[in-house]
N, C-alpha and C. Protein backbone atom coordinates (compact mmCIF):
# COMPACT_ATOMS: atom_id res chain seq x y z
N UNK A 1 8.28 -4.40 7.74
CA UNK A 1 8.20 -5.45 8.65
C UNK A 1 8.24 -4.78 10.03
N UNK A 2 9.01 -3.79 9.74
CA UNK A 2 9.28 -2.69 11.40
C UNK A 2 7.74 -2.07 11.59
N UNK A 3 6.93 -1.67 10.44
CA UNK A 3 5.65 -1.23 10.64
C UNK A 3 4.83 -2.70 11.28
N UNK A 4 5.10 -3.43 10.47
CA UNK A 4 4.03 -4.52 11.37
C UNK A 4 4.56 -5.00 12.81
N UNK A 5 5.57 -4.99 13.10
CA UNK A 5 5.80 -5.23 14.29
C UNK A 5 5.79 -4.05 15.15
N UNK A 6 5.74 -2.57 14.90
CA UNK A 6 4.72 -1.75 15.60
C UNK A 6 3.20 -1.89 15.49
N UNK A 7 2.71 -2.38 14.61
CA UNK A 7 1.21 -2.39 14.65
C UNK A 7 0.57 -3.85 15.67
N UNK A 8 1.16 -4.13 15.86
CA UNK A 8 1.16 -5.70 16.51
C UNK A 8 1.62 -5.12 17.83
N UNK A 9 3.10 -4.64 18.16
CA UNK A 9 3.47 -4.03 19.77
C UNK A 9 2.70 -2.90 20.01
N UNK A 10 1.92 -2.15 19.46
CA UNK A 10 1.27 -1.21 20.46
C UNK A 10 0.09 -1.56 20.96
N UNK A 11 -1.12 -2.57 20.36
CA UNK A 11 -2.00 -2.80 20.86
C UNK A 11 -1.37 -3.88 22.12
N UNK A 12 -0.29 -4.48 21.88
CA UNK A 12 0.10 -5.58 23.05
C UNK A 12 0.45 -5.19 24.45
N UNK A 13 1.21 -3.87 24.27
CA UNK A 13 1.45 -2.82 25.28
C UNK A 13 0.53 -2.15 25.88
N UNK A 14 -0.60 -1.89 25.22
CA UNK A 14 -2.36 -1.45 25.74
C UNK A 14 -2.74 -2.38 26.54
N UNK A 15 -2.41 -3.38 26.17
CA UNK A 15 -3.14 -4.66 26.56
C UNK A 15 -2.67 -4.98 27.82
N UNK A 16 -1.04 -5.01 27.77
CA UNK A 16 -0.37 -5.53 29.00
C UNK A 16 -0.62 -4.21 30.15
N UNK A 17 -0.84 -2.91 29.63
CA UNK A 17 -1.01 -1.93 30.62
C UNK A 17 -2.54 -2.14 31.01
N UNK A 18 -3.05 -2.28 30.71
CA UNK A 18 -4.61 -2.17 30.97
C UNK A 18 -4.87 -3.86 31.91
N UNK A 19 -3.82 -4.63 31.86
CA UNK A 19 -4.11 -5.69 32.67
C UNK A 19 -3.38 -5.53 34.27
N UNK A 20 -2.33 -4.70 33.94
CA UNK A 20 -1.66 -4.38 35.22
C UNK A 20 -2.54 -3.31 35.99
N UNK A 21 -3.13 -2.20 35.05
CA UNK A 21 -4.08 -1.55 36.15
C UNK A 21 -5.28 -2.17 36.48
N UNK A 22 -6.18 -3.26 35.90
CA UNK A 22 -7.00 -3.65 36.36
C UNK A 22 -6.78 -4.96 37.23
N UNK A 23 -5.93 -4.91 37.75
CA UNK A 23 -5.81 -6.01 39.18
C UNK A 23 -5.91 -5.30 40.13
N UNK A 24 -6.45 -4.10 40.18
CA UNK A 24 -7.29 -3.56 41.99
C UNK A 24 -8.75 -3.01 40.88
N UNK A 25 -9.38 -2.99 42.16
CA UNK A 25 -11.18 -2.74 41.97
C UNK A 25 -10.62 -1.10 41.25
N UNK A 26 -10.23 -0.59 41.72
CA UNK A 26 -10.34 0.80 41.40
C UNK A 26 -9.21 1.32 40.25
N UNK A 27 -8.30 0.47 39.97
CA UNK A 27 -7.72 0.22 38.36
C UNK A 27 -8.99 0.27 37.41
N UNK A 28 -9.87 -0.88 37.89
CA UNK A 28 -10.46 -1.44 36.76
C UNK A 28 -11.50 -0.17 36.58
N UNK A 29 -12.26 0.43 37.96
CA UNK A 29 -12.88 1.27 37.59
C UNK A 29 -12.64 2.56 36.72
N UNK A 30 -11.32 2.54 37.13
CA UNK A 30 -10.70 3.97 36.18
C UNK A 30 -10.77 3.44 35.01
N UNK A 31 -10.42 2.56 34.28
CA UNK A 31 -10.20 2.21 32.91
C UNK A 31 -11.57 2.17 32.33
N UNK A 32 -12.51 1.43 33.05
CA UNK A 32 -13.80 1.57 32.49
C UNK A 32 -14.38 2.75 32.00
N UNK A 33 -14.96 3.76 33.32
CA UNK A 33 -15.13 4.60 33.49
C UNK A 33 -14.21 5.74 31.88
N UNK A 34 -13.07 5.46 32.00
CA UNK A 34 -12.36 6.14 31.33
C UNK A 34 -12.82 5.70 29.89
N UNK A 35 -12.91 4.49 29.21
CA UNK A 35 -13.60 3.87 27.96
C UNK A 35 -15.14 4.60 27.93
N UNK A 36 -15.62 4.71 28.82
CA UNK A 36 -17.06 5.16 28.95
C UNK A 36 -17.66 6.46 28.48
N UNK A 37 -16.29 7.18 29.03
CA UNK A 37 -16.38 8.88 28.86
C UNK A 37 -16.05 9.08 27.46
N UNK A 38 -14.99 8.01 27.18
CA UNK A 38 -14.47 8.44 25.65
C UNK A 38 -15.63 8.42 24.66
N UNK A 39 -16.03 6.95 25.03
CA UNK A 39 -16.75 6.87 23.91
C UNK A 39 -18.41 7.80 23.87
N UNK A 40 -18.35 8.36 25.02
CA UNK A 40 -19.59 9.16 24.76
C UNK A 40 -19.08 10.58 24.09
N UNK A 41 -18.06 10.96 24.53
CA UNK A 41 -17.09 12.06 23.64
C UNK A 41 -17.18 11.82 22.02
N UNK A 42 -16.80 10.73 21.71
CA UNK A 42 -16.97 10.30 20.41
C UNK A 42 -18.05 10.42 19.74
N UNK A 43 -19.10 9.85 20.55
CA UNK A 43 -20.49 9.94 20.10
C UNK A 43 -21.25 11.06 19.52
N UNK A 44 -20.79 12.00 20.65
CA UNK A 44 -21.18 13.51 20.53
C UNK A 44 -20.34 14.29 19.34
N UNK A 45 -19.34 14.11 19.02
CA UNK A 45 -18.62 14.51 17.97
C UNK A 45 -19.47 14.12 16.71
N UNK A 46 -20.02 12.61 16.62
CA UNK A 46 -20.40 12.05 15.43
C UNK A 46 -21.77 12.91 15.27
N UNK A 47 -22.75 13.18 16.60
CA UNK A 47 -23.57 13.85 16.57
C UNK A 47 -23.56 15.03 15.93
N UNK A 48 -22.45 15.59 16.37
CA UNK A 48 -22.49 17.48 16.09
C UNK A 48 -22.06 17.43 14.55
N UNK A 49 -21.43 16.43 14.12
CA UNK A 49 -21.22 16.62 12.74
C UNK A 49 -22.23 16.17 11.75
N UNK A 50 -22.99 15.48 12.19
CA UNK A 50 -24.12 15.60 11.16
C UNK A 50 -24.88 17.14 10.87
N UNK A 51 -24.83 17.76 12.14
CA UNK A 51 -25.60 18.82 11.81
C UNK A 51 -24.90 20.32 11.31
N UNK A 52 -23.49 20.29 11.66
CA UNK A 52 -22.33 21.30 11.73
C UNK A 52 -21.16 20.91 11.10
N UNK A 53 -21.21 19.98 10.10
CA UNK A 53 -19.93 19.30 9.56
C UNK A 53 -19.93 20.37 8.50
N UNK A 54 -18.50 20.60 7.95
CA UNK A 54 -18.21 21.70 6.93
C UNK A 54 -17.64 20.45 5.75
N UNK A 55 -17.50 19.18 5.90
CA UNK A 55 -17.21 18.30 4.96
C UNK A 55 -15.40 18.00 5.50
N UNK A 56 -14.83 18.62 6.21
CA UNK A 56 -13.46 18.24 6.78
C UNK A 56 -13.64 17.10 8.52
N UNK A 57 -12.62 16.76 8.36
CA UNK A 57 -11.95 15.65 9.64
C UNK A 57 -12.21 16.56 11.06
N UNK A 58 -13.01 16.57 11.99
CA UNK A 58 -13.11 17.49 12.75
C UNK A 58 -13.27 18.57 12.29
N UNK A 59 -13.52 19.41 11.33
CA UNK A 59 -14.13 20.59 11.01
C UNK A 59 -12.68 21.41 10.07
N UNK A 60 -11.38 20.34 10.40
CA UNK A 60 -10.12 21.12 10.57
C UNK A 60 -9.33 20.43 9.10
N UNK A 61 -9.51 18.94 8.63
CA UNK A 61 -8.54 18.33 8.26
C UNK A 61 -9.16 18.17 7.35
N UNK A 62 -8.79 18.19 5.77
CA UNK A 62 -9.02 17.74 4.50
C UNK A 62 -9.23 16.46 4.57
N UNK A 63 -10.13 15.95 4.04
CA UNK A 63 -10.69 14.00 3.85
C UNK A 63 -10.02 13.95 2.81
N UNK A 64 -9.37 12.77 2.48
CA UNK A 64 -8.73 11.79 1.43
C UNK A 64 -9.92 11.61 0.84
N UNK A 65 -9.71 11.45 -1.08
CA UNK A 65 -10.70 10.93 -1.85
C UNK A 65 -11.18 9.73 -1.21
N UNK A 66 -12.71 9.87 -1.48
CA UNK A 66 -13.40 8.49 -1.47
C UNK A 66 -13.65 8.24 0.26
N UNK A 67 -13.19 9.00 1.05
CA UNK A 67 -13.27 8.60 2.38
C UNK A 67 -14.49 8.96 2.98
N UNK A 68 -14.93 8.19 4.11
CA UNK A 68 -16.37 8.52 4.75
C UNK A 68 -15.72 8.94 6.10
N UNK A 69 -15.26 9.93 6.56
CA UNK A 69 -15.01 10.24 7.93
C UNK A 69 -16.19 10.50 8.96
N UNK A 70 -16.18 10.05 10.02
CA UNK A 70 -16.69 10.35 11.22
C UNK A 70 -16.35 10.52 12.60
N UNK A 71 -16.56 11.47 13.55
CA UNK A 71 -15.99 11.78 14.68
C UNK A 71 -14.39 11.78 14.13
N UNK A 72 -13.20 11.70 14.92
CA UNK A 72 -11.88 11.82 14.64
C UNK A 72 -11.35 10.86 13.66
N UNK A 73 -12.39 10.20 13.19
CA UNK A 73 -11.87 9.05 12.16
C UNK A 73 -12.02 9.48 10.83
N UNK A 74 -11.14 8.75 10.00
CA UNK A 74 -11.06 8.74 8.38
C UNK A 74 -12.30 7.87 8.11
N UNK A 75 -12.10 6.21 8.62
CA UNK A 75 -13.56 5.21 8.17
C UNK A 75 -14.39 5.46 9.54
N UNK A 76 -15.66 5.46 8.80
CA UNK A 76 -16.40 5.87 9.72
C UNK A 76 -16.99 4.38 10.44
N UNK A 77 -16.39 3.11 9.88
CA UNK A 77 -16.36 1.70 10.09
C UNK A 77 -15.21 1.70 11.30
N UNK A 78 -14.36 2.75 11.56
CA UNK A 78 -13.22 2.65 12.83
C UNK A 78 -14.14 3.30 13.94
N UNK A 79 -14.79 4.44 13.66
CA UNK A 79 -15.54 5.17 15.03
C UNK A 79 -16.49 3.65 15.13
N UNK A 80 -17.25 3.18 14.56
CA UNK A 80 -18.12 2.46 15.12
C UNK A 80 -18.07 0.99 15.99
N UNK A 81 -16.41 0.73 15.77
CA UNK A 81 -15.98 -0.48 16.18
C UNK A 81 -15.12 0.15 17.61
N UNK A 82 -15.33 1.46 17.68
CA UNK A 82 -14.52 1.75 19.21
C UNK A 82 -16.33 1.90 20.20
N UNK A 83 -17.25 2.30 19.04
CA UNK A 83 -17.98 2.93 19.78
C UNK A 83 -19.52 1.22 20.12
N UNK A 84 -18.75 0.26 19.33
CA UNK A 84 -19.62 -0.97 19.89
C UNK A 84 -18.96 -1.32 21.31
N UNK A 85 -17.62 -1.19 21.37
CA UNK A 85 -16.94 -1.55 22.50
C UNK A 85 -17.21 -0.64 24.09
N UNK A 86 -17.27 0.61 23.51
CA UNK A 86 -17.68 1.49 24.59
C UNK A 86 -19.17 1.25 24.79
N UNK A 87 -20.05 0.98 23.87
CA UNK A 87 -21.66 1.06 24.14
C UNK A 87 -21.75 -0.09 25.55
N UNK A 88 -20.74 -1.07 25.13
CA UNK A 88 -20.98 -2.56 26.15
C UNK A 88 -20.33 -2.36 27.16
N UNK A 89 -19.28 -1.44 27.43
CA UNK A 89 -18.66 -1.25 28.63
C UNK A 89 -20.07 -0.33 29.47
N UNK A 90 -20.36 0.70 28.93
CA UNK A 90 -21.07 1.49 29.62
C UNK A 90 -22.52 1.26 30.19
N UNK A 91 -22.87 -0.42 29.11
CA UNK A 91 -24.00 -1.09 29.62
C UNK A 91 -23.61 -2.39 30.90
N UNK A 92 -22.35 -2.59 30.88
CA UNK A 92 -21.97 -3.32 31.96
C UNK A 92 -21.73 -2.50 33.17
N UNK A 93 -21.29 -1.11 33.36
CA UNK A 93 -21.26 -0.27 33.98
C UNK A 93 -22.47 -0.24 34.75
N UNK A 94 -23.30 0.02 34.20
CA UNK A 94 -24.84 0.31 34.59
C UNK A 94 -25.33 -1.16 35.11
N UNK A 95 -24.98 -2.26 34.86
CA UNK A 95 -25.36 -3.72 35.68
C UNK A 95 -24.84 -3.12 36.84
N UNK A 96 -23.16 -3.08 37.00
CA UNK A 96 -22.39 -3.15 38.19
C UNK A 96 -22.97 -2.40 39.05
N UNK A 97 -23.69 -0.79 38.67
CA UNK A 97 -24.25 -0.06 39.42
C UNK A 97 -25.02 -0.52 40.12
N UNK A 98 -26.15 -0.91 39.32
CA UNK A 98 -27.57 -1.82 40.15
C UNK A 98 -27.44 -3.31 40.87
N UNK A 99 -26.46 -3.74 40.10
CA UNK A 99 -25.85 -5.02 41.53
C UNK A 99 -25.23 -4.77 42.69
N UNK A 100 -24.40 -3.60 42.78
CA UNK A 100 -23.71 -3.45 43.80
C UNK A 100 -24.63 -3.19 45.24
N UNK A 101 -24.47 -3.88 46.32
CA UNK A 101 -22.88 -4.56 46.53
C UNK A 101 -23.29 -6.01 46.49
N UNK A 102 -24.52 -6.24 45.90
CA UNK A 102 -24.43 -7.78 46.37
C UNK A 102 -24.00 -9.07 45.19
N UNK A 103 -23.23 -8.26 44.15
CA UNK A 103 -22.80 -8.89 42.76
C UNK A 103 -23.88 -9.53 41.93
N UNK A 104 -25.17 -9.72 41.99
CA UNK A 104 -26.00 -9.94 41.73
C UNK A 104 -27.24 -9.10 41.17
N UNK A 105 -28.08 -8.83 40.02
CA UNK A 105 -29.15 -8.18 39.99
C UNK A 105 -30.30 -8.37 40.81
N UNK A 106 -31.31 -7.68 41.58
CA UNK A 106 -32.13 -7.94 42.24
C UNK A 106 -33.01 -6.94 42.27
N UNK A 107 -33.61 -6.81 42.62
CA UNK A 107 -35.06 -5.84 42.40
C UNK A 107 -34.62 -4.83 44.11
N UNK A 108 -34.54 -5.62 45.02
CA UNK A 108 -34.03 -4.41 46.21
C UNK A 108 -32.86 -3.94 45.73
N UNK A 109 -31.86 -4.13 45.27
CA UNK A 109 -30.88 -3.60 44.82
C UNK A 109 -30.94 -2.35 43.95
N UNK A 110 -31.88 -2.72 42.63
CA UNK A 110 -32.64 -1.72 41.81
C UNK A 110 -33.19 -0.50 42.67
N UNK A 111 -34.05 -0.94 43.60
CA UNK A 111 -34.62 -0.17 44.16
C UNK A 111 -33.79 0.72 45.05
N UNK A 112 -32.72 0.11 45.62
CA UNK A 112 -31.54 1.44 46.36
C UNK A 112 -30.78 2.07 45.87
N UNK A 113 -30.50 1.19 44.43
CA UNK A 113 -29.77 2.23 43.42
C UNK A 113 -30.80 3.67 42.98
N UNK A 114 -32.08 3.35 42.62
CA UNK A 114 -32.50 4.35 41.98
C UNK A 114 -33.01 5.46 43.36
N UNK A 115 -33.02 5.39 44.45
CA UNK A 115 -33.43 5.96 45.51
C UNK A 115 -31.78 6.42 46.23
N UNK A 116 -30.74 6.60 45.04
CA UNK A 116 -29.31 6.91 45.49
C UNK A 116 -28.67 6.93 46.45
N UNK A 117 -28.61 4.98 46.57
CA UNK A 117 -27.66 4.51 47.29
C UNK A 117 -26.12 4.85 46.98
N UNK A 118 -25.33 5.49 47.82
CA UNK A 118 -23.63 5.67 47.50
C UNK A 118 -23.81 6.54 46.28
N UNK A 119 -24.60 7.45 46.02
CA UNK A 119 -24.38 8.08 44.69
C UNK A 119 -24.77 7.34 43.44
N UNK A 120 -25.70 6.22 43.70
CA UNK A 120 -25.40 5.57 42.49
C UNK A 120 -26.77 6.25 41.26
N UNK A 121 -27.53 7.26 41.86
CA UNK A 121 -28.19 7.49 40.58
C UNK A 121 -27.73 8.65 39.61
N UNK A 122 -26.79 9.70 40.49
CA UNK A 122 -26.13 10.05 39.75
C UNK A 122 -25.45 9.47 38.55
N UNK A 123 -24.53 8.51 38.75
CA UNK A 123 -24.00 7.69 38.34
C UNK A 123 -24.83 6.88 37.24
N UNK A 124 -25.92 6.47 37.55
CA UNK A 124 -27.00 5.75 36.49
C UNK A 124 -27.17 6.92 35.60
N UNK A 125 -27.36 8.18 35.84
CA UNK A 125 -27.95 9.29 34.77
C UNK A 125 -26.85 9.55 33.89
N UNK A 126 -25.37 9.72 34.57
CA UNK A 126 -24.42 9.95 33.66
C UNK A 126 -24.51 8.90 32.71
N UNK A 127 -24.32 7.82 33.42
CA UNK A 127 -24.14 6.61 32.10
C UNK A 127 -24.98 6.22 31.49
N UNK A 128 -26.24 6.28 31.41
CA UNK A 128 -27.51 6.68 30.30
C UNK A 128 -27.22 7.66 29.16
N UNK A 129 -26.79 9.04 29.92
CA UNK A 129 -26.39 9.95 28.76
C UNK A 129 -25.16 9.24 28.14
N UNK A 130 -24.08 8.60 28.82
CA UNK A 130 -23.16 8.24 27.80
C UNK A 130 -23.75 7.47 27.00
N UNK A 131 -24.62 6.51 27.05
CA UNK A 131 -24.77 5.63 26.30
C UNK A 131 -25.71 5.99 25.38
N UNK A 132 -26.95 6.81 25.36
CA UNK A 132 -27.60 7.60 24.48
C UNK A 132 -26.41 8.47 23.43
N UNK A 133 -25.54 8.71 24.04
CA UNK A 133 -24.21 9.72 22.85
C UNK A 133 -23.83 8.49 22.25
N UNK A 134 -22.91 7.29 22.93
CA UNK A 134 -22.63 6.13 22.26
C UNK A 134 -23.32 5.83 20.93
N UNK A 135 -24.42 5.24 21.33
CA UNK A 135 -25.41 4.34 20.56
C UNK A 135 -25.93 5.14 19.04
N UNK A 136 -25.97 6.44 19.63
CA UNK A 136 -26.15 7.80 18.46
C UNK A 136 -25.17 7.51 17.60
N UNK A 137 -24.00 7.50 18.02
CA UNK A 137 -22.71 7.60 17.27
C UNK A 137 -22.58 6.13 16.42
N UNK A 138 -22.79 5.03 16.61
CA UNK A 138 -22.87 3.68 16.60
C UNK A 138 -23.93 3.81 15.09
N UNK A 139 -25.05 4.11 15.50
CA UNK A 139 -26.28 3.95 14.26
C UNK A 139 -25.78 4.91 13.37
N UNK A 140 -25.31 6.12 13.65
CA UNK A 140 -25.22 7.29 12.50
C UNK A 140 -23.55 6.86 11.73
N UNK A 141 -22.85 6.05 12.22
CA UNK A 141 -21.77 5.18 11.28
C UNK A 141 -21.91 4.03 10.41
N UNK A 142 -23.30 4.22 10.23
CA UNK A 142 -23.97 3.12 9.42
C UNK A 142 -22.94 1.92 9.25
N UNK A 143 -22.22 1.22 9.84
CA UNK A 143 -21.69 0.32 9.92
C UNK A 143 -22.26 -0.76 10.38
N UNK A 144 -22.22 -1.87 9.36
CA UNK A 144 -22.57 -3.05 9.54
C UNK A 144 -21.53 -4.32 10.58
N UNK A 145 -20.45 -3.95 10.38
CA UNK A 145 -19.40 -4.34 11.22
C UNK A 145 -19.82 -4.19 12.51
N UNK A 146 -19.69 -2.63 12.80
CA UNK A 146 -19.89 -1.81 13.94
C UNK A 146 -21.36 -2.74 15.17
N UNK A 147 -22.46 -2.77 14.29
CA UNK A 147 -23.34 -3.47 14.75
C UNK A 147 -23.77 -4.90 14.96
N UNK A 148 -22.93 -5.69 14.41
CA UNK A 148 -22.62 -7.37 14.61
C UNK A 148 -21.46 -7.39 16.00
N UNK A 149 -20.48 -6.33 15.76
CA UNK A 149 -19.96 -6.59 17.08
C UNK A 149 -20.63 -6.12 18.06
N UNK A 150 -21.06 -5.06 18.46
CA UNK A 150 -22.44 -4.86 19.20
C UNK A 150 -22.92 -5.72 19.73
N UNK A 151 -23.58 -6.54 18.92
CA UNK A 151 -24.79 -7.49 19.45
C UNK A 151 -23.85 -9.04 19.54
N UNK A 152 -22.36 -8.94 19.25
CA UNK A 152 -21.89 -10.25 19.90
C UNK A 152 -21.24 -9.88 21.53
N UNK A 153 -20.82 -8.42 21.43
CA UNK A 153 -20.58 -7.95 22.74
C UNK A 153 -21.87 -8.07 23.41
N UNK A 154 -22.90 -7.55 23.32
CA UNK A 154 -23.99 -7.85 23.99
C UNK A 154 -24.42 -9.42 24.08
N UNK A 155 -24.04 -10.43 23.44
CA UNK A 155 -24.29 -11.42 23.63
C UNK A 155 -22.99 -12.08 25.03
N UNK A 156 -21.82 -11.61 24.41
CA UNK A 156 -20.84 -11.96 25.31
C UNK A 156 -21.35 -11.32 27.11
N UNK A 157 -22.04 -10.38 27.02
CA UNK A 157 -22.17 -9.41 28.43
C UNK A 157 -23.39 -10.43 29.52
N UNK A 158 -24.11 -10.74 28.23
CA UNK A 158 -25.32 -11.67 28.95
C UNK A 158 -24.94 -13.01 29.25
N UNK A 159 -24.09 -13.51 28.56
CA UNK A 159 -23.42 -14.92 29.11
C UNK A 159 -22.56 -14.82 30.34
N UNK A 160 -21.78 -13.76 30.30
CA UNK A 160 -21.13 -13.16 31.43
C UNK A 160 -21.71 -13.46 32.60
N UNK A 161 -22.97 -12.62 32.57
CA UNK A 161 -23.97 -12.32 33.71
C UNK A 161 -24.57 -13.98 34.33
N UNK A 162 -24.79 -14.83 33.68
CA UNK A 162 -25.32 -15.79 33.84
C UNK A 162 -24.65 -17.33 33.83
N UNK A 163 -23.86 -16.95 32.31
CA UNK A 163 -22.92 -18.75 32.56
C UNK A 163 -21.43 -17.88 32.21
N UNK A 164 -20.89 -18.04 33.04
CA UNK A 164 -19.22 -17.36 32.94
C UNK A 164 -18.49 -18.26 32.44
N UNK A 165 -18.54 -19.35 32.88
CA UNK A 165 -17.97 -20.96 32.28
C UNK A 165 -18.15 -21.08 30.95
N UNK A 166 -19.16 -20.90 30.48
CA UNK A 166 -19.81 -21.10 29.15
C UNK A 166 -19.16 -20.06 28.22
N UNK A 167 -18.98 -19.02 28.80
CA UNK A 167 -18.35 -17.35 28.08
C UNK A 167 -16.85 -18.15 27.74
N UNK A 168 -16.04 -18.22 28.84
CA UNK A 168 -14.84 -18.88 28.42
C UNK A 168 -14.60 -19.98 27.83
N UNK A 169 -15.64 -21.04 27.64
CA UNK A 169 -15.75 -22.04 26.58
C UNK A 169 -15.61 -21.46 25.04
N UNK A 170 -16.52 -20.62 25.11
CA UNK A 170 -16.72 -19.98 23.63
C UNK A 170 -15.74 -18.92 23.13
N UNK A 171 -15.07 -18.43 24.29
CA UNK A 171 -13.99 -17.64 23.94
C UNK A 171 -12.62 -18.54 23.18
N UNK A 172 -12.67 -19.48 24.24
CA UNK A 172 -11.58 -20.44 23.76
C UNK A 172 -11.40 -21.42 22.39
N UNK A 173 -13.00 -21.57 21.94
CA UNK A 173 -13.65 -21.87 20.69
C UNK A 173 -13.06 -21.06 19.75
N UNK A 174 -13.55 -19.92 20.18
CA UNK A 174 -13.09 -18.91 18.80
C UNK A 174 -11.54 -18.65 18.30
N UNK A 175 -11.07 -18.20 19.36
CA UNK A 175 -9.34 -18.19 19.23
C UNK A 175 -8.94 -19.45 18.60
N UNK A 176 -9.38 -20.84 19.26
CA UNK A 176 -8.92 -21.66 18.52
C UNK A 176 -8.86 -21.94 17.07
N UNK A 177 -10.39 -21.51 16.87
CA UNK A 177 -10.90 -21.71 15.66
C UNK A 177 -10.43 -20.29 14.61
N UNK A 178 -10.19 -19.24 15.25
CA UNK A 178 -9.33 -18.42 14.21
C UNK A 178 -7.66 -18.96 13.87
N UNK A 179 -7.52 -19.15 14.45
CA UNK A 179 -5.93 -19.57 14.55
C UNK A 179 -5.93 -20.64 13.86
N UNK A 180 -6.93 -21.30 13.51
CA UNK A 180 -6.76 -22.90 12.97
C UNK A 180 -6.78 -22.41 11.28
N UNK A 181 -7.96 -21.62 11.43
CA UNK A 181 -8.35 -20.61 9.95
C UNK A 181 -7.33 -19.85 9.52
N UNK A 182 -6.59 -19.23 10.08
CA UNK A 182 -5.23 -18.40 9.94
C UNK A 182 -4.13 -19.38 9.45
N UNK A 183 -4.12 -20.52 9.84
CA UNK A 183 -2.54 -21.56 9.71
C UNK A 183 -2.69 -22.05 8.42
N UNK A 184 -4.43 -22.43 8.44
CA UNK A 184 -5.20 -23.20 7.03
C UNK A 184 -4.43 -22.63 5.73
N UNK A 185 -4.84 -21.13 5.87
CA UNK A 185 -4.23 -19.97 4.96
C UNK A 185 -2.94 -19.99 4.41
N UNK A 186 -1.94 -20.48 5.22
CA UNK A 186 -0.49 -20.31 5.25
C UNK A 186 -0.06 -21.74 4.90
N UNK A 187 -0.95 -22.54 4.82
CA UNK A 187 -0.18 -23.98 4.47
C UNK A 187 -0.20 -23.87 2.81
N UNK A 188 1.51 -24.61 2.33
CA UNK A 188 1.62 -24.67 0.84
C UNK A 188 3.03 -24.11 0.99
N UNK A 189 3.91 -24.81 -0.13
CA UNK A 189 5.17 -25.15 -0.40
C UNK A 189 5.44 -23.48 -1.08
N UNK A 190 4.33 -22.68 -1.50
CA UNK A 190 5.00 -21.95 -2.14
C UNK A 190 4.11 -20.46 -2.23
N UNK A 191 4.51 -19.32 -2.81
CA UNK A 191 4.07 -17.93 -2.53
C UNK A 191 2.71 -18.06 -3.02
N UNK A 192 2.32 -19.06 -4.43
CA UNK A 192 1.17 -18.85 -5.04
C UNK A 192 -0.17 -19.33 -3.82
N UNK A 193 0.35 -20.21 -3.09
CA UNK A 193 -0.89 -20.92 -1.88
C UNK A 193 -1.21 -19.79 -1.35
N UNK A 194 0.18 -19.15 -0.67
CA UNK A 194 0.50 -17.71 0.32
C UNK A 194 -1.11 -17.01 -0.62
N UNK A 195 -0.85 -16.46 -1.16
CA UNK A 195 -1.58 -15.83 -1.93
C UNK A 195 -3.24 -15.93 -2.29
N UNK A 196 -3.51 -17.51 -2.12
CA UNK A 196 -4.54 -18.34 -2.08
C UNK A 196 -4.93 -18.29 -1.08
N UNK A 197 -5.16 -17.79 -0.25
CA UNK A 197 -5.83 -18.18 1.20
C UNK A 197 -7.21 -18.21 0.72
N UNK A 198 -8.01 -19.28 1.81
CA UNK A 198 -9.37 -19.93 1.47
C UNK A 198 -10.49 -18.57 1.29
N UNK A 199 -10.19 -16.94 2.27
CA UNK A 199 -11.20 -16.29 2.30
C UNK A 199 -11.07 -15.42 1.17
N UNK A 200 -9.87 -15.22 0.87
CA UNK A 200 -9.61 -14.56 -0.27
C UNK A 200 -10.62 -14.41 -1.55
N UNK A 201 -11.25 -15.39 -2.06
CA UNK A 201 -11.93 -15.89 -3.11
C UNK A 201 -13.23 -15.85 -2.71
N UNK A 202 -13.65 -15.56 -1.26
CA UNK A 202 -15.02 -15.99 -0.74
C UNK A 202 -15.91 -14.56 -1.30
N UNK A 203 -15.56 -13.54 -1.71
CA UNK A 203 -16.67 -12.44 -1.98
C UNK A 203 -15.65 -11.61 -2.92
N UNK A 204 -16.34 -10.67 -3.53
CA UNK A 204 -15.78 -9.99 -4.59
C UNK A 204 -15.84 -8.56 -3.75
N UNK A 205 -16.59 -8.29 -2.87
CA UNK A 205 -16.53 -7.21 -1.82
C UNK A 205 -15.12 -6.63 -1.51
N UNK A 206 -14.37 -5.82 -1.98
CA UNK A 206 -13.22 -5.68 -0.97
C UNK A 206 -13.19 -5.48 0.32
N UNK A 207 -14.11 -4.65 1.07
CA UNK A 207 -13.96 -4.78 2.48
C UNK A 207 -14.03 -5.85 3.41
N UNK A 208 -15.49 -6.79 2.90
CA UNK A 208 -15.98 -7.96 3.48
C UNK A 208 -14.28 -9.04 3.21
N UNK A 209 -13.81 -9.14 2.03
CA UNK A 209 -12.88 -9.97 1.71
C UNK A 209 -11.61 -9.32 2.59
N UNK A 210 -11.34 -7.99 2.94
CA UNK A 210 -10.01 -7.73 3.73
C UNK A 210 -10.43 -8.28 5.15
N UNK A 211 -11.66 -8.04 5.79
CA UNK A 211 -11.90 -8.31 7.05
C UNK A 211 -12.12 -9.99 7.05
N UNK A 212 -12.54 -10.68 6.11
CA UNK A 212 -12.15 -12.11 6.18
C UNK A 212 -10.92 -12.67 6.40
N UNK A 213 -10.04 -11.88 5.74
CA UNK A 213 -8.82 -12.87 5.59
C UNK A 213 -7.85 -12.38 6.70
């Protein structure tokens, strides 16, 4: 129970810290650029491992039997999860640089950015390099879940640019649907029902079963 409490409390505290920092424009910028930079570093590590790997995690730690490590992660799927998020953040920052100060994409603003208005061009070049490294690591992870997450994030970013209200409605529907599906799995008078959740028997693949559950 203590381990479960810590597992839930840690991301909650991280979320609250990020929410507090993101109240200002400067704080939001620091958070997003930190995620983008770290994503590029993880992608670069994955690329280096493809050519210089010695079979150990970060070249120094022995990997557990059956593990498929990539970057600092024992499981390449976990790296893909972060890189999917980081790649979307990088793309969002590129759009923000191109849209500043109008708040929307326009050819005039893009031309100004490419002619180095307010140090826009160096930031665009840096973000393009970050994106290339992040996406390279994502593809090297060979994770279907990571690619699906990237596609979902790309869709959300597109909706945020054009249909912000619709995005909020879709997020609410997703959360409500997820909570409802979870509650259905716990309906029942005894432990037998708890062990026979609807998603557990959906597939014989242990990894997919775990994610669906």
